[in-house]
Amino acid sequence: DSGVYRFASNDLVWVTGSLTALRLNPSQQALLSDGAVGATSWGFNNDPDCGAYRITTNNWALSAAGAKVWETSAGGAITKPLQPSFLVRNTAGATDQTGDGTSYTVPWDSEVFDQASNFASNQFTAPVTGRYLFTVCVGIRGILVTHNIRRVTISTSNRNYLNYSDYLIAETDRSLILSVIADMDVNDVCGIAVAVFGSTKVVDVIADGTINYFSGCLLS
C-alpha cells in the first residue's frame, strides 16, 4: 500500500499507507497532502509536528511542536495565535495612594485578553527576548494646587520609561498616558506605577476600566 503510480499522462502520485503523500502534475507542481496541525504535510524528519499544513480552501497554516503558530486566510489576513499580547484594566480604583511622591504600583483586576498567558500578578513576563510595544493610561483624581509633578512609569527589568508634567494647577481628573517599544530579555517583567509629588497623599486612581488600561504585544 506504499509506492508510486501513474495517475494520468505526465502525472505521478506517491502513496504511503494507502494515503497520497505527493503528486507531481503535468504543470510540474509538487502537490502535497493536506496534513494536520500535529502531522504536517511539509515538515522535518526529526520534527514531523513542525511545518506547514492545509486547513481548508485557500487557508493554510504553520505549526510548531504540534500547535498552530501562523495562519493565512483566503483573504490574505495573517494571524499568530500564540504571539504574546494582552489587555488588562483597572476597574476598582484606589483612594489616597499618592500626592506626597509615593509611587503606587497599579493593580489590574480585569483581563480582556492574555494571548499566550504571560500576564499575572499585575505584570507581564516576556516569554522570549525581543522588542515589545506597551501602552498605558491611568486616570487620577483629586490633584491640589500644591501638587506639582504627575508621573506614570512603564517599569521593565532593563530600564524605566517615564512621562511626567510639572505645574501647580488643581485638577479634578487627569489621564496619565505613555507608550514605548521596549527591549526585553526572556523572563524580564513589565509593570506600571503612578506618582504625584509636592503635597499631601490625597490623590486617587479613578475607578473606571475605560480610563485605566494596560496593553502590550511582541513586535519582533
Protein backbone atom coordinates (compact mmCIF):
# COMPACT_ATOMS: atom_id res chain seq x y z
CA ASP A 1 0.00 0.00 0.00
CA SER A 2 3.02 2.28 -0.49
CA GLY A 3 4.69 3.26 -3.73
CA VAL A 4 4.44 5.36 -6.90
CA TYR A 5 1.82 5.12 -9.64
CA ARG A 6 0.79 6.95 -12.81
CA PHE A 7 -2.36 9.00 -12.18
CA ALA A 8 -2.66 10.34 -15.74
CA SER A 9 -0.44 11.46 -18.56
CA ASN A 10 2.65 13.11 -17.06
CA ASP A 11 1.02 12.88 -13.63
CA LEU A 12 2.67 10.79 -10.88
CA VAL A 13 1.46 10.06 -7.35
CA TRP A 14 3.44 8.83 -4.33
CA VAL A 15 1.42 6.86 -1.80
CA THR A 16 2.28 5.85 1.77
CA GLY A 17 -0.04 3.59 3.72
CA SER A 18 -2.73 3.96 1.03
CA LEU A 19 -2.69 7.77 1.52
CA THR A 20 -1.46 10.25 -1.08
CA ALA A 21 1.76 11.81 0.14
CA LEU A 22 2.89 13.67 -3.00
CA ARG A 23 1.62 14.34 -6.51
CA LEU A 24 3.68 15.70 -9.41
CA ASN A 25 1.23 17.02 -12.00
CA PRO A 26 1.71 17.98 -15.67
CA SER A 27 2.23 21.63 -14.68
CA GLN A 28 5.31 20.49 -12.74
CA GLN A 29 3.68 21.34 -9.44
CA ALA A 30 4.57 19.19 -6.45
CA LEU A 31 1.25 18.78 -4.61
CA LEU A 32 1.29 17.54 -1.02
CA SER A 33 -1.43 16.01 1.11
CA ASP A 34 -3.35 18.40 3.39
CA GLY A 35 -1.70 17.23 6.58
CA ALA A 36 -2.81 18.44 10.02
CA VAL A 37 -1.56 20.59 12.85
CA GLY A 38 0.16 17.66 14.56
CA ALA A 39 1.19 15.85 11.37
CA THR A 40 2.15 18.45 8.79
CA SER A 41 2.23 17.77 5.06
CA TRP A 42 5.54 19.63 4.73
CA GLY A 43 7.74 19.12 7.76
CA PHE A 44 11.00 17.72 9.03
CA ASN A 45 12.20 14.18 9.54
CA ASN A 46 13.08 14.81 13.19
CA ASP A 47 10.16 17.23 13.75
CA PRO A 48 7.08 15.89 11.92
CA ASP A 49 4.76 18.11 14.01
CA CYS A 50 6.61 21.24 12.85
CA GLY A 51 5.87 22.57 9.35
CA ALA A 52 3.00 23.55 7.03
CA TYR A 53 -0.48 22.12 6.50
CA ARG A 54 -3.76 22.96 4.75
CA ILE A 55 -6.84 23.82 6.84
CA THR A 56 -9.41 24.38 4.09
CA THR A 57 -9.73 26.09 0.69
CA ASN A 58 -7.08 28.83 0.37
CA ASN A 59 -6.44 28.58 4.10
CA TRP A 60 -3.14 27.17 5.32
CA ALA A 61 -1.07 27.31 8.49
CA LEU A 62 2.28 26.66 10.12
CA SER A 63 2.72 24.65 13.28
CA ALA A 64 5.48 24.14 15.84
CA ALA A 65 5.50 21.35 18.40
CA GLY A 66 2.02 20.35 17.25
CA ALA A 67 0.48 23.81 17.83
CA LYS A 68 -0.71 26.30 15.22
CA VAL A 69 1.57 29.36 15.27
CA TRP A 70 0.66 31.07 11.97
CA GLU A 71 -2.47 31.07 9.84
CA THR A 72 -3.15 32.69 6.46
CA SER A 73 -6.80 33.18 5.48
CA ALA A 74 -8.28 33.12 1.99
CA GLY A 75 -8.39 36.92 2.12
CA GLY A 76 -4.68 37.19 2.90
CA ALA A 77 -5.02 38.05 6.60
CA ILE A 78 -2.29 36.58 8.81
CA THR A 79 -2.86 35.69 12.45
CA LYS A 80 -0.41 34.36 15.03
CA PRO A 81 -2.47 32.68 17.77
CA LEU A 82 0.47 32.17 20.12
CA GLN A 83 2.08 35.61 19.66
CA PRO A 84 2.22 37.23 23.14
CA SER A 85 -0.30 40.06 23.57
CA PHE A 86 -2.52 41.25 26.40
CA LEU A 87 -5.01 43.91 27.50
CA VAL A 88 -5.92 44.43 31.16
CA ARG A 89 -7.93 47.08 33.01
CA ASN A 90 -8.26 48.55 36.48
CA THR A 91 -11.94 48.92 37.36
CA ALA A 92 -11.73 49.20 41.16
CA GLY A 93 -9.54 52.30 41.50
CA ALA A 94 -7.90 53.22 44.83
CA THR A 95 -8.12 56.22 47.17
CA ASP A 96 -5.33 58.34 48.67
CA GLN A 97 -2.47 56.43 47.02
CA THR A 98 -0.11 59.27 46.13
CA GLY A 99 0.41 63.03 46.22
CA ASP A 100 3.44 63.07 48.51
CA GLY A 101 5.74 61.38 45.99
CA THR A 102 4.66 57.82 46.78
CA SER A 103 5.00 55.55 43.76
CA TYR A 104 1.84 53.45 43.51
CA THR A 105 2.04 50.18 41.58
CA VAL A 106 -1.20 49.89 39.65
CA PRO A 107 -3.07 46.59 40.04
CA TRP A 108 -5.03 45.19 37.11
CA ASP A 109 -8.21 43.44 38.21
CA SER A 110 -9.90 42.84 34.83
CA GLU A 111 -8.36 40.87 31.98
CA VAL A 112 -9.73 41.49 28.48
CA PHE A 113 -7.33 39.03 26.83
CA ASP A 114 -3.97 37.43 27.54
CA GLN A 115 -2.83 35.59 24.42
CA ALA A 116 -0.12 33.07 25.36
CA SER A 117 -0.82 33.59 29.11
CA ASN A 118 2.13 35.80 30.02
CA PHE A 119 0.34 38.29 32.29
CA ALA A 120 -0.02 37.54 36.02
CA SER A 121 0.31 39.28 39.39
CA ASN A 122 -0.10 42.74 37.78
CA GLN A 123 2.86 42.35 35.44
CA PHE A 124 3.82 40.95 32.06
CA THR A 125 6.65 38.42 31.80
CA ALA A 126 8.50 38.21 28.48
CA PRO A 127 8.45 34.62 27.17
CA VAL A 128 11.24 35.34 24.66
CA THR A 129 13.89 38.00 24.11
CA GLY A 130 12.59 40.69 21.77
CA ARG A 131 11.08 44.14 21.32
CA TYR A 132 7.69 44.72 22.90
CA LEU A 133 5.14 47.50 22.48
CA PHE A 134 3.49 48.68 25.71
CA THR A 135 0.74 51.30 26.11
CA VAL A 136 -0.87 52.52 29.32
CA CYS A 137 -3.43 55.04 30.50
CA VAL A 138 -4.22 55.68 34.19
CA GLY A 139 -6.80 58.17 35.43
CA ILE A 140 -6.05 60.03 38.67
CA ARG A 141 -8.30 62.34 40.70
CA GLY A 142 -8.03 64.96 43.42
CA ILE A 143 -4.93 66.91 42.43
CA LEU A 144 -4.50 70.03 44.58
CA VAL A 145 -2.97 73.35 43.53
CA THR A 146 0.02 72.48 45.73
CA HIS A 147 0.78 69.30 43.79
CA ASN A 148 3.34 69.63 41.01
CA ILE A 149 4.73 66.58 39.16
CA ARG A 150 2.30 63.98 37.78
CA ARG A 151 4.12 60.87 36.57
CA VAL A 152 3.40 57.49 35.01
CA THR A 153 6.11 54.84 34.68
CA ILE A 154 6.40 51.76 32.49
CA SER A 155 8.89 49.74 34.51
CA THR A 156 10.84 46.90 32.90
CA SER A 157 13.72 44.79 34.14
CA ASN A 158 16.12 46.58 31.80
CA ARG A 159 15.02 50.19 32.44
CA ASN A 160 12.14 52.54 33.28
CA TYR A 161 10.22 54.78 30.87
CA LEU A 162 8.57 57.93 32.25
CA ASN A 163 6.05 60.54 31.20
CA TYR A 164 5.53 63.44 33.57
CA SER A 165 4.30 67.02 33.69
CA ASP A 166 5.23 69.67 36.26
CA TYR A 167 2.90 72.58 37.08
CA LEU A 168 0.89 73.98 40.02
CA ILE A 169 -2.73 73.72 38.92
CA ALA A 170 -5.57 71.97 40.72
CA GLU A 171 -7.19 69.27 38.59
CA THR A 172 -10.27 67.21 39.29
CA ASP A 173 -9.24 64.43 36.90
CA ARG A 174 -6.12 63.74 34.88
CA SER A 175 -5.16 60.93 32.49
CA LEU A 176 -1.52 59.80 32.50
CA ILE A 177 -0.64 58.21 29.14
CA LEU A 178 2.54 56.56 27.88
CA SER A 179 3.67 54.13 25.19
CA VAL A 180 7.07 52.67 24.34
CA ILE A 181 8.80 49.97 22.33
CA ALA A 182 10.97 48.30 24.95
CA ASP A 183 13.75 45.76 24.64
CA MET A 184 13.22 42.81 26.95
CA ASP A 185 15.11 39.64 27.68
CA VAL A 186 13.43 36.31 28.32
CA ASN A 187 11.74 36.32 31.77
CA ASP A 188 12.03 40.12 32.15
CA VAL A 189 8.94 41.72 33.67
CA CYS A 190 6.97 44.89 32.99
CA GLY A 191 4.58 46.75 35.30
CA ILE A 192 3.00 50.19 35.78
CA ALA A 193 3.32 52.80 38.54
CA VAL A 194 1.96 56.32 39.03
CA ALA A 195 3.11 59.09 41.36
CA VAL A 196 2.16 62.67 42.18
CA PHE A 197 4.54 64.95 44.08
CA GLY A 198 4.61 68.15 46.07
CA SER A 199 1.84 67.91 48.66
CA THR A 200 -0.31 65.52 50.67
CA LYS A 201 -1.28 61.92 49.92
CA VAL A 202 -4.85 62.56 48.72
CA VAL A 203 -4.68 61.59 45.03
CA ASP A 204 -6.83 58.65 43.89
CA VAL A 205 -6.78 56.25 40.97
CA ILE A 206 -10.20 56.64 39.35
CA ALA A 207 -12.43 53.55 39.49
CA ASP A 208 -13.08 53.26 35.75
CA GLY A 209 -11.91 50.47 33.47
CA THR A 210 -12.46 52.61 30.36
CA ILE A 211 -9.77 55.02 31.61
CA ASN A 212 -7.34 52.61 33.25
CA TYR A 213 -5.84 50.14 30.81
CA PHE A 214 -2.50 48.49 30.07
CA SER A 215 -1.70 46.59 26.88
CA GLY A 216 1.31 45.05 25.21
CA CYS A 217 2.49 42.74 22.45
CA LEU A 218 5.64 41.25 20.98
CA LEU A 219 6.66 43.12 17.83
CA SER A 220 9.90 41.42 16.82
